[in-house]
Amino acid sequence: MNVRELIEQYNAAWNAQDLEAIHALHHPDVVFENHTADERAEGAEAVREHIAQIFRNNPTLRFATRSLRTGDDFAVCEWTASTGSKEWDGIDVFPLRDGLILRKDVYSSSHRARVLRD
């Protein structure tokens, strides 16, 4: 699988809130760091639990990819997140190792989320 396919599959797993599929794409040494929310988890099991908590707290969370740039061992994905009642923009930076995600560095405008009207 090439880098673009890896990240597209990963993003689809996030939108399905499929923890097993997400976990399968993480390197054992993965680090998840949300720089905006000051959250960090290290190692596959800690990252898995951190993401499970995100899903428990946000069962309607979905992402729309705005841009995806890839290289041989990295990807940068711009996205818009939505919970149905609010939305915000962000970017993920993904260094890769051995064809798996080594880091997920998140930067977002979640602190300035837009409230959606009915």
C-alpha atoms as a PDB file:
ATOM      1  CA  MET A   1       0.000   0.000   0.000  1.00  0.00           C
ATOM      2  CA  ASN A   2       1.385   3.425  -0.865  1.00  0.00           C
ATOM      3  CA  VAL A   3       1.365   6.369   1.564  1.00  0.00           C
ATOM      4  CA  ARG A   4      -1.748   8.007   0.058  1.00  0.00           C
ATOM      5  CA  GLU A   5      -3.711   4.756   0.307  1.00  0.00           C
ATOM      6  CA  LEU A   6      -2.519   4.237   3.887  1.00  0.00           C
ATOM      7  CA  ILE A   7      -3.755   7.656   5.010  1.00  0.00           C
ATOM      8  CA  GLU A   8      -7.011   7.391   3.062  1.00  0.00           C
ATOM      9  CA  GLN A   9      -7.658   4.031   4.743  1.00  0.00           C
ATOM     10  CA  TYR A  10      -6.721   5.531   8.121  1.00  0.00           C
ATOM     11  CA  ASN A  11      -9.051   8.507   7.653  1.00  0.00           C
ATOM     12  CA  ALA A  12     -11.897   6.177   6.634  1.00  0.00           C
ATOM     13  CA  ALA A  13     -11.301   4.136   9.795  1.00  0.00           C
ATOM     14  CA  TRP A  14     -11.517   7.314  11.908  1.00  0.00           C
ATOM     15  CA  ASN A  15     -14.823   8.226  10.252  1.00  0.00           C
ATOM     16  CA  ALA A  16     -16.136   4.708  10.919  1.00  0.00           C
ATOM     17  CA  GLN A  17     -14.725   4.939  14.461  1.00  0.00           C
ATOM     18  CA  ASP A  18     -13.153   1.543  13.732  1.00  0.00           C
ATOM     19  CA  LEU A  19     -10.584   1.236  16.496  1.00  0.00           C
ATOM     20  CA  GLU A  20      -9.221  -2.105  15.229  1.00  0.00           C
ATOM     21  CA  ALA A  21      -8.544  -0.742  11.733  1.00  0.00           C
ATOM     22  CA  ILE A  22      -6.859   2.362  13.176  1.00  0.00           C
ATOM     23  CA  HIS A  23      -4.728   0.275  15.534  1.00  0.00           C
ATOM     24  CA  ALA A  24      -3.605  -1.979  12.662  1.00  0.00           C
ATOM     25  CA  LEU A  25      -2.126   1.028  10.834  1.00  0.00           C
ATOM     26  CA  HIS A  26      -0.091   2.263  13.808  1.00  0.00           C
ATOM     27  CA  HIS A  27       3.553   1.382  14.313  1.00  0.00           C
ATOM     28  CA  PRO A  28       4.136  -0.253  17.754  1.00  0.00           C
ATOM     29  CA  ASP A  29       6.062   2.891  18.802  1.00  0.00           C
ATOM     30  CA  VAL A  30       3.313   5.291  17.682  1.00  0.00           C
ATOM     31  CA  VAL A  31       2.910   8.659  19.395  1.00  0.00           C
ATOM     32  CA  PHE A  32      -0.388  10.574  19.211  1.00  0.00           C
ATOM     33  CA  GLU A  33       0.036  14.230  20.094  1.00  0.00           C
ATOM     34  CA  ASN A  34      -2.709  16.819  19.849  1.00  0.00           C
ATOM     35  CA  HIS A  35      -0.726  20.014  20.223  1.00  0.00           C
ATOM     36  CA  THR A  36      -3.853  22.188  20.426  1.00  0.00           C
ATOM     37  CA  ALA A  37      -5.499  20.175  23.225  1.00  0.00           C
ATOM     38  CA  ASP A  38      -2.204  19.415  24.968  1.00  0.00           C
ATOM     39  CA  GLU A  39      -2.853  15.646  24.772  1.00  0.00           C
ATOM     40  CA  ARG A  40      -0.168  13.020  24.264  1.00  0.00           C
ATOM     41  CA  ALA A  41      -0.169   9.225  24.254  1.00  0.00           C
ATOM     42  CA  GLU A  42       2.855   7.014  23.546  1.00  0.00           C
ATOM     43  CA  GLY A  43       2.901   3.379  22.423  1.00  0.00           C
ATOM     44  CA  ALA A  44       0.272   1.431  20.517  1.00  0.00           C
ATOM     45  CA  GLU A  45      -1.884   0.429  23.500  1.00  0.00           C
ATOM     46  CA  ALA A  46      -1.880   3.892  25.099  1.00  0.00           C
ATOM     47  CA  VAL A  47      -2.742   5.493  21.750  1.00  0.00           C
ATOM     48  CA  ARG A  48      -5.507   2.943  21.191  1.00  0.00           C
ATOM     49  CA  GLU A  49      -7.088   3.803  24.570  1.00  0.00           C
ATOM     50  CA  HIS A  50      -6.689   7.535  23.936  1.00  0.00           C
ATOM     51  CA  ILE A  51      -8.528   7.256  20.600  1.00  0.00           C
ATOM     52  CA  ALA A  52     -11.207   5.041  22.194  1.00  0.00           C
ATOM     53  CA  GLN A  53     -11.810   7.842  24.716  1.00  0.00           C
ATOM     54  CA  ILE A  54     -12.086  10.398  21.895  1.00  0.00           C
ATOM     55  CA  PHE A  55     -14.777   8.218  20.294  1.00  0.00           C
ATOM     56  CA  ARG A  56     -16.616   7.724  23.595  1.00  0.00           C
ATOM     57  CA  ASN A  57     -16.656  11.501  24.108  1.00  0.00           C
ATOM     58  CA  ASN A  58     -17.556  12.285  20.473  1.00  0.00           C
ATOM     59  CA  PRO A  59     -19.710   9.524  18.944  1.00  0.00           C
ATOM     60  CA  THR A  60     -20.730  11.710  15.974  1.00  0.00           C
ATOM     61  CA  LEU A  61     -17.215  12.976  15.155  1.00  0.00           C
ATOM     62  CA  ARG A  62     -16.430  12.835  11.429  1.00  0.00           C
ATOM     63  CA  PHE A  63     -13.687  14.314   9.225  1.00  0.00           C
ATOM     64  CA  ALA A  64     -13.693  15.632   5.658  1.00  0.00           C
ATOM     65  CA  THR A  65     -10.285  15.704   3.987  1.00  0.00           C
ATOM     66  CA  ARG A  66      -9.522  19.046   2.334  1.00  0.00           C
ATOM     67  CA  SER A  67      -5.983  18.264   1.176  1.00  0.00           C
ATOM     68  CA  LEU A  68      -3.591  15.328   1.392  1.00  0.00           C
ATOM     69  CA  ARG A  69       0.121  15.636   0.611  1.00  0.00           C
ATOM     70  CA  THR A  70       2.393  12.616   0.746  1.00  0.00           C
ATOM     71  CA  GLY A  71       6.064  11.749   0.444  1.00  0.00           C
ATOM     72  CA  ASP A  72       7.973   8.493   0.783  1.00  0.00           C
ATOM     73  CA  ASP A  73       7.767   8.407   4.582  1.00  0.00           C
ATOM     74  CA  PHE A  74       5.295  11.116   5.617  1.00  0.00           C
ATOM     75  CA  ALA A  75       1.895  12.621   4.959  1.00  0.00           C
ATOM     76  CA  VAL A  76       0.210  15.917   5.788  1.00  0.00           C
ATOM     77  CA  CYS A  77      -3.581  15.981   5.813  1.00  0.00           C
ATOM     78  CA  GLU A  78      -5.757  19.096   6.101  1.00  0.00           C
ATOM     79  CA  TRP A  79      -9.291  18.395   7.292  1.00  0.00           C
ATOM     80  CA  THR A  80     -12.539  19.786   8.628  1.00  0.00           C
ATOM     81  CA  ALA A  81     -13.992  17.986  11.652  1.00  0.00           C
ATOM     82  CA  SER A  82     -17.689  17.978  12.532  1.00  0.00           C
ATOM     83  CA  THR A  83     -19.788  16.647  15.374  1.00  0.00           C
ATOM     84  CA  GLY A  84     -23.070  17.689  13.761  1.00  0.00           C
ATOM     85  CA  SER A  85     -23.402  20.690  16.072  1.00  0.00           C
ATOM     86  CA  LYS A  86     -19.969  22.267  15.558  1.00  0.00           C
ATOM     87  CA  GLU A  87     -17.053  22.113  13.146  1.00  0.00           C
ATOM     88  CA  TRP A  88     -13.414  23.151  13.017  1.00  0.00           C
ATOM     89  CA  ASP A  89     -10.384  22.866  10.770  1.00  0.00           C
ATOM     90  CA  GLY A  90      -7.101  21.161  11.392  1.00  0.00           C
ATOM     91  CA  ILE A  91      -4.041  19.459  10.051  1.00  0.00           C
ATOM     92  CA  ASP A  92      -2.396  16.119  10.845  1.00  0.00           C
ATOM     93  CA  VAL A  93       1.298  15.459  10.256  1.00  0.00           C
ATOM     94  CA  PHE A  94       2.163  11.771   9.907  1.00  0.00           C
ATOM     95  CA  PRO A  95       5.786  10.571   9.947  1.00  0.00           C
ATOM     96  CA  LEU A  96       5.848   6.893   8.910  1.00  0.00           C
ATOM     97  CA  ARG A  97       8.111   3.949   9.678  1.00  0.00           C
ATOM     98  CA  ASP A  98       8.004   0.507   8.079  1.00  0.00           C
ATOM     99  CA  GLY A  99       4.847   1.459   6.164  1.00  0.00           C
ATOM    100  CA  LEU A 100       2.937   2.324   9.362  1.00  0.00           C
ATOM    101  CA  ILE A 101       2.029   5.550  11.170  1.00  0.00           C
ATOM    102  CA  LEU A 102       4.782   6.417  13.653  1.00  0.00           C
ATOM    103  CA  ARG A 103       3.273   9.723  14.819  1.00  0.00           C
ATOM    104  CA  LYS A 104       0.019  11.606  14.501  1.00  0.00           C
ATOM    105  CA  ASP A 105       0.661  15.266  15.291  1.00  0.00           C
ATOM    106  CA  VAL A 106      -2.613  17.210  15.375  1.00  0.00           C
ATOM    107  CA  TYR A 107      -2.951  20.988  15.085  1.00  0.00           C
ATOM    108  CA  SER A 108      -6.468  22.445  14.957  1.00  0.00           C
ATOM    109  CA  SER A 109      -8.763  25.402  15.493  1.00  0.00           C
ATOM    110  CA  SER A 110     -10.998  23.364  17.839  1.00  0.00           C
ATOM    111  CA  HIS A 111     -10.780  26.138  20.440  1.00  0.00           C
ATOM    112  CA  ARG A 112     -12.564  28.334  17.862  1.00  0.00           C
ATOM    113  CA  ALA A 113     -15.097  25.747  16.639  1.00  0.00           C
ATOM    114  CA  ARG A 114     -17.953  27.082  14.534  1.00  0.00           C
ATOM    115  CA  VAL A 115     -21.452  26.348  15.834  1.00  0.00           C
ATOM    116  CA  LEU A 116     -23.637  24.845  13.104  1.00  0.00           C
ATOM    117  CA  ARG A 117     -27.234  25.983  12.741  1.00  0.00           C
ATOM    118  CA  ASP A 118     -30.141  23.665  11.935  1.00  0.00           C
END
